[in-house]
Amino acid sequence: MEDIQKYYENTENALPHLMVKKFINMNIKPKNAIDLGCGAGRDTIYLIKNGWKVLSIDKEDNREIIASKLDNEEIEMFDFRCLNFENIELENNNLLVANFSIPFCNKGYFNDFWNKISNSIFKDGYFVGNFFGLNDSWAKTKKEMVFLSKDQVLKLFKDSFKIIEFNEVDKNGKTGLGKMKHWHIYNVIAKKII
C-alpha cells in the first residue's frame, strides 16, 4: 500500500504518455474515451483538456487526485470507477487508452479481458496503449502478469484493427517508484475497422 501511494505521488504531475500525445495530434473529433488503469490521471487530464469525455478506471480510488487538476467545466467531462480488471464491464467508447495497465491483468484472465477491450471500442474508434514484451525484467519475477512476443501483440489487432503506429522499446529505465529495471514495451495506436 505504501508503494502504491508513493507511485501516485511520483507520477501525479507526469506528462501524458507519448502515444496519447501522438493520438491527439491526429485531430480525431473528441467523443467518449476510457482510460483503463488511469493511475494518477496523466492521460485522463490531457484527454479532457483536449475535449474528450473520459471514464477513468483504476483499482485504487484516484478520483480526487484527478479531479483536483480539472476546472468546473472539465469536471463535467470526467467520470471515475474503482474496479479490478478481472470483473470489469466496459462501456462502448470511441477511444480506449491503456498505458502500463494491461500487463497487470492476471494472465489467466487475459484473453477474456482483451475481448472485453476490443468489443467495447466502436467501429472507427481507437486503441492507444502498450504491452510488456518477453525481454522485460519483470517477466522473470512476476509470473502472474502478461508478457507477450511481438507476434502475439500483432495478432491481437489482426482482424479487427488497422495499426496506425507500432513501436518497440527495449531499454533500461526507472519505474514510477524510481527504481531501475529493464523495460520491454510495445506501444500501439490502432483503429477499429469492423
Protein backbone atom coordinates (compact mmCIF):
# COMPACT_ATOMS: atom_id res chain seq x y z
CA MET A 1 0.00 0.00 0.00
CA GLU A 2 2.88 2.34 0.83
CA ASP A 3 4.42 1.61 -2.59
CA ILE A 4 1.19 2.44 -4.41
CA GLN A 5 0.89 5.80 -2.59
CA LYS A 6 4.50 6.62 -3.49
CA TYR A 7 3.80 5.66 -7.11
CA TYR A 8 0.85 8.08 -7.30
CA GLU A 9 2.88 10.85 -5.65
CA ASN A 10 5.75 10.28 -8.11
CA THR A 11 3.50 10.22 -11.21
CA GLU A 12 0.86 12.76 -10.20
CA ASN A 13 2.41 15.56 -12.27
CA ALA A 14 3.77 13.40 -15.08
CA LEU A 15 3.22 14.44 -18.68
CA PRO A 16 0.83 12.36 -20.80
CA HIS A 17 2.26 9.29 -22.50
CA LEU A 18 3.84 9.94 -25.89
CA MET A 19 1.34 7.78 -27.83
CA VAL A 20 -1.57 9.72 -26.32
CA LYS A 21 0.06 12.98 -27.46
CA LYS A 22 0.54 11.47 -30.93
CA PHE A 23 -3.11 10.41 -30.98
CA ILE A 24 -4.31 13.92 -30.04
CA ASN A 25 -2.13 15.31 -32.85
CA MET A 26 -4.13 13.14 -35.29
CA ASN A 27 -7.01 15.61 -34.73
CA ILE A 28 -9.72 12.99 -34.22
CA LYS A 29 -13.05 14.58 -33.22
CA PRO A 30 -13.31 14.18 -29.41
CA LYS A 31 -16.06 11.89 -28.16
CA ASN A 32 -16.11 9.29 -25.34
CA ALA A 33 -12.93 7.71 -24.00
CA ILE A 34 -11.98 5.18 -21.35
CA ASP A 35 -8.63 5.43 -19.56
CA LEU A 36 -8.04 1.91 -18.29
CA GLY A 37 -5.72 1.73 -15.29
CA CYS A 38 -5.59 5.52 -15.20
CA GLY A 39 -3.24 5.83 -12.22
CA ALA A 40 -2.87 9.45 -11.14
CA GLY A 41 -4.61 10.59 -14.33
CA ARG A 42 -1.85 11.88 -16.59
CA ASP A 43 -3.66 10.70 -19.77
CA THR A 44 -7.18 11.38 -18.45
CA ILE A 45 -6.37 15.02 -17.71
CA TYR A 46 -4.70 15.54 -21.10
CA LEU A 47 -7.63 13.97 -22.96
CA ILE A 48 -10.21 16.07 -21.08
CA LYS A 49 -8.22 19.25 -21.73
CA ASN A 50 -8.35 18.29 -25.42
CA GLY A 51 -12.14 17.92 -25.47
CA TRP A 52 -12.66 14.21 -24.69
CA LYS A 53 -15.24 12.97 -22.20
CA VAL A 54 -13.34 10.39 -20.11
CA LEU A 55 -14.33 7.49 -17.90
CA SER A 56 -11.23 6.70 -15.83
CA ILE A 57 -10.90 3.24 -14.29
CA ASP A 58 -8.38 2.13 -11.69
CA LYS A 59 -8.22 -0.40 -8.85
CA GLU A 60 -7.32 2.46 -6.46
CA ASP A 61 -9.70 5.36 -5.85
CA ASN A 62 -7.81 8.23 -7.51
CA ARG A 63 -10.89 10.33 -8.25
CA GLU A 64 -9.78 13.26 -6.06
CA ILE A 65 -6.19 13.33 -7.37
CA ILE A 66 -7.52 13.69 -10.91
CA ALA A 67 -10.45 15.99 -10.13
CA SER A 68 -8.12 18.44 -8.35
CA LYS A 69 -6.43 19.16 -11.71
CA LEU A 70 -9.67 19.94 -13.57
CA ASP A 71 -11.74 23.12 -13.62
CA ASN A 72 -15.54 23.14 -13.15
CA GLU A 73 -16.26 22.73 -16.87
CA GLU A 74 -13.71 19.91 -17.22
CA ILE A 75 -15.14 18.06 -14.18
CA GLU A 76 -18.35 17.64 -16.19
CA MET A 77 -16.34 15.59 -18.73
CA PHE A 78 -14.86 13.29 -16.07
CA ASP A 79 -16.22 10.10 -14.52
CA PHE A 80 -14.35 7.60 -12.36
CA ARG A 81 -14.88 3.97 -11.40
CA CYS A 82 -12.84 1.93 -8.94
CA LEU A 83 -12.69 -1.59 -10.46
CA ASN A 84 -10.42 -4.62 -10.81
CA PHE A 85 -9.73 -5.81 -14.36
CA GLU A 86 -10.93 -9.32 -13.57
CA ASN A 87 -14.57 -8.27 -13.07
CA ILE A 88 -14.71 -5.23 -15.32
CA GLU A 89 -17.53 -4.39 -17.71
CA LEU A 90 -16.61 -1.73 -20.27
CA GLU A 91 -18.96 0.79 -21.83
CA ASN A 92 -18.79 1.31 -25.58
CA ASN A 93 -16.30 4.02 -26.45
CA ASN A 94 -14.57 5.86 -29.29
CA LEU A 95 -11.15 5.61 -27.65
CA LEU A 96 -9.68 3.21 -25.15
CA VAL A 97 -6.35 4.20 -23.57
CA ALA A 98 -4.41 1.54 -21.67
CA ASN A 99 -0.87 2.59 -20.80
CA PHE A 100 1.08 0.43 -18.34
CA SER A 101 -2.12 -1.32 -17.24
CA ILE A 102 -3.00 -4.36 -19.41
CA PRO A 103 0.12 -6.33 -18.35
CA PHE A 104 -1.12 -6.20 -14.74
CA CYS A 105 -4.19 -8.26 -15.59
CA ASN A 106 -3.85 -11.80 -14.26
CA LYS A 107 -2.58 -13.81 -17.24
CA GLY A 108 -5.23 -16.50 -16.73
CA TYR A 109 -7.88 -13.87 -17.45
CA PHE A 110 -6.06 -12.01 -20.23
CA ASN A 111 -7.96 -13.41 -23.25
CA ASP A 112 -11.35 -12.52 -21.74
CA PHE A 113 -10.04 -9.11 -20.74
CA TRP A 114 -8.71 -8.38 -24.23
CA ASN A 115 -12.03 -9.45 -25.78
CA LYS A 116 -13.86 -7.01 -23.49
CA ILE A 117 -11.47 -4.23 -24.52
CA SER A 118 -11.75 -4.97 -28.24
CA ASN A 119 -15.54 -5.37 -28.16
CA SER A 120 -16.02 -2.11 -26.24
CA ILE A 121 -14.45 0.05 -28.98
CA PHE A 122 -16.86 1.32 -31.63
CA LYS A 123 -16.06 0.80 -35.31
CA ASP A 124 -13.76 3.68 -36.35
CA GLY A 125 -12.75 4.07 -32.69
CA TYR A 126 -9.18 3.76 -31.44
CA PHE A 127 -6.99 1.82 -29.05
CA VAL A 128 -3.93 3.62 -27.65
CA GLY A 129 -1.80 1.67 -25.23
CA ASN A 130 1.02 -0.73 -24.58
CA PHE A 131 2.01 -4.27 -23.72
CA PHE A 132 5.07 -5.69 -21.99
CA GLY A 133 7.44 -7.82 -24.07
CA LEU A 134 9.30 -11.00 -23.17
CA ASN A 135 12.62 -9.19 -22.52
CA ASP A 136 11.10 -7.12 -19.71
CA SER A 137 12.95 -7.80 -16.45
CA TRP A 138 9.63 -8.33 -14.63
CA ALA A 139 8.93 -11.34 -16.91
CA LYS A 140 11.34 -13.37 -14.75
CA THR A 141 9.84 -12.37 -11.39
CA LYS A 142 6.16 -11.52 -11.89
CA LYS A 143 4.79 -14.76 -13.28
CA GLU A 144 1.13 -13.78 -12.86
CA MET A 145 1.47 -10.78 -15.23
CA VAL A 146 1.05 -10.74 -19.02
CA PHE A 147 4.18 -10.63 -21.21
CA LEU A 148 3.82 -11.07 -24.97
CA SER A 149 6.00 -11.55 -28.04
CA LYS A 150 5.77 -9.07 -30.90
CA ASP A 151 3.80 -11.62 -32.94
CA GLN A 152 1.35 -12.13 -30.07
CA VAL A 153 0.74 -8.38 -29.79
CA LEU A 154 0.23 -8.01 -33.53
CA LYS A 155 -2.17 -10.96 -33.53
CA LEU A 156 -4.43 -9.16 -31.02
CA PHE A 157 -5.09 -6.50 -33.66
CA LYS A 158 -5.02 -8.72 -36.74
CA ASP A 159 -8.67 -8.98 -37.76
CA SER A 160 -10.49 -6.08 -36.11
CA PHE A 161 -7.97 -3.22 -36.22
CA LYS A 162 -5.68 -1.33 -38.55
CA ILE A 163 -2.41 -0.46 -36.81
CA ILE A 164 -1.60 3.25 -37.22
CA GLU A 165 1.59 3.24 -35.18
CA PHE A 166 3.60 0.45 -33.59
CA ASN A 167 6.95 0.76 -31.87
CA GLU A 168 9.12 -1.28 -29.57
CA VAL A 169 11.10 0.00 -26.58
CA ASP A 170 13.82 -2.29 -25.20
CA LYS A 171 15.95 -0.36 -22.69
CA ASN A 172 16.78 0.29 -19.05
CA GLY A 173 14.78 2.95 -17.26
CA LYS A 174 13.10 3.92 -13.99
CA THR A 175 9.77 2.70 -12.67
CA GLY A 176 7.14 5.02 -11.20
CA LEU A 177 8.76 4.24 -7.83
CA GLY A 178 12.13 5.48 -9.08
CA LYS A 179 13.75 2.03 -9.26
CA MET A 180 15.79 0.92 -12.27
CA LYS A 181 14.61 -2.00 -14.40
CA HIS A 182 14.77 -3.25 -17.98
CA TRP A 183 11.68 -2.23 -19.95
CA HIS A 184 10.46 -4.12 -22.99
CA ILE A 185 7.32 -2.44 -24.30
CA TYR A 186 5.21 -2.50 -27.45
CA ASN A 187 3.36 0.80 -27.96
CA VAL A 188 0.31 0.74 -30.23
CA ILE A 189 -2.15 3.12 -31.84
CA ALA A 190 -4.81 1.17 -33.74
CA LYS A 191 -8.12 1.97 -35.41
CA LYS A 192 -11.07 -0.42 -35.13
CA ILE A 193 -12.16 -1.36 -38.65
CA ILE A 194 -15.07 -3.74 -38.04
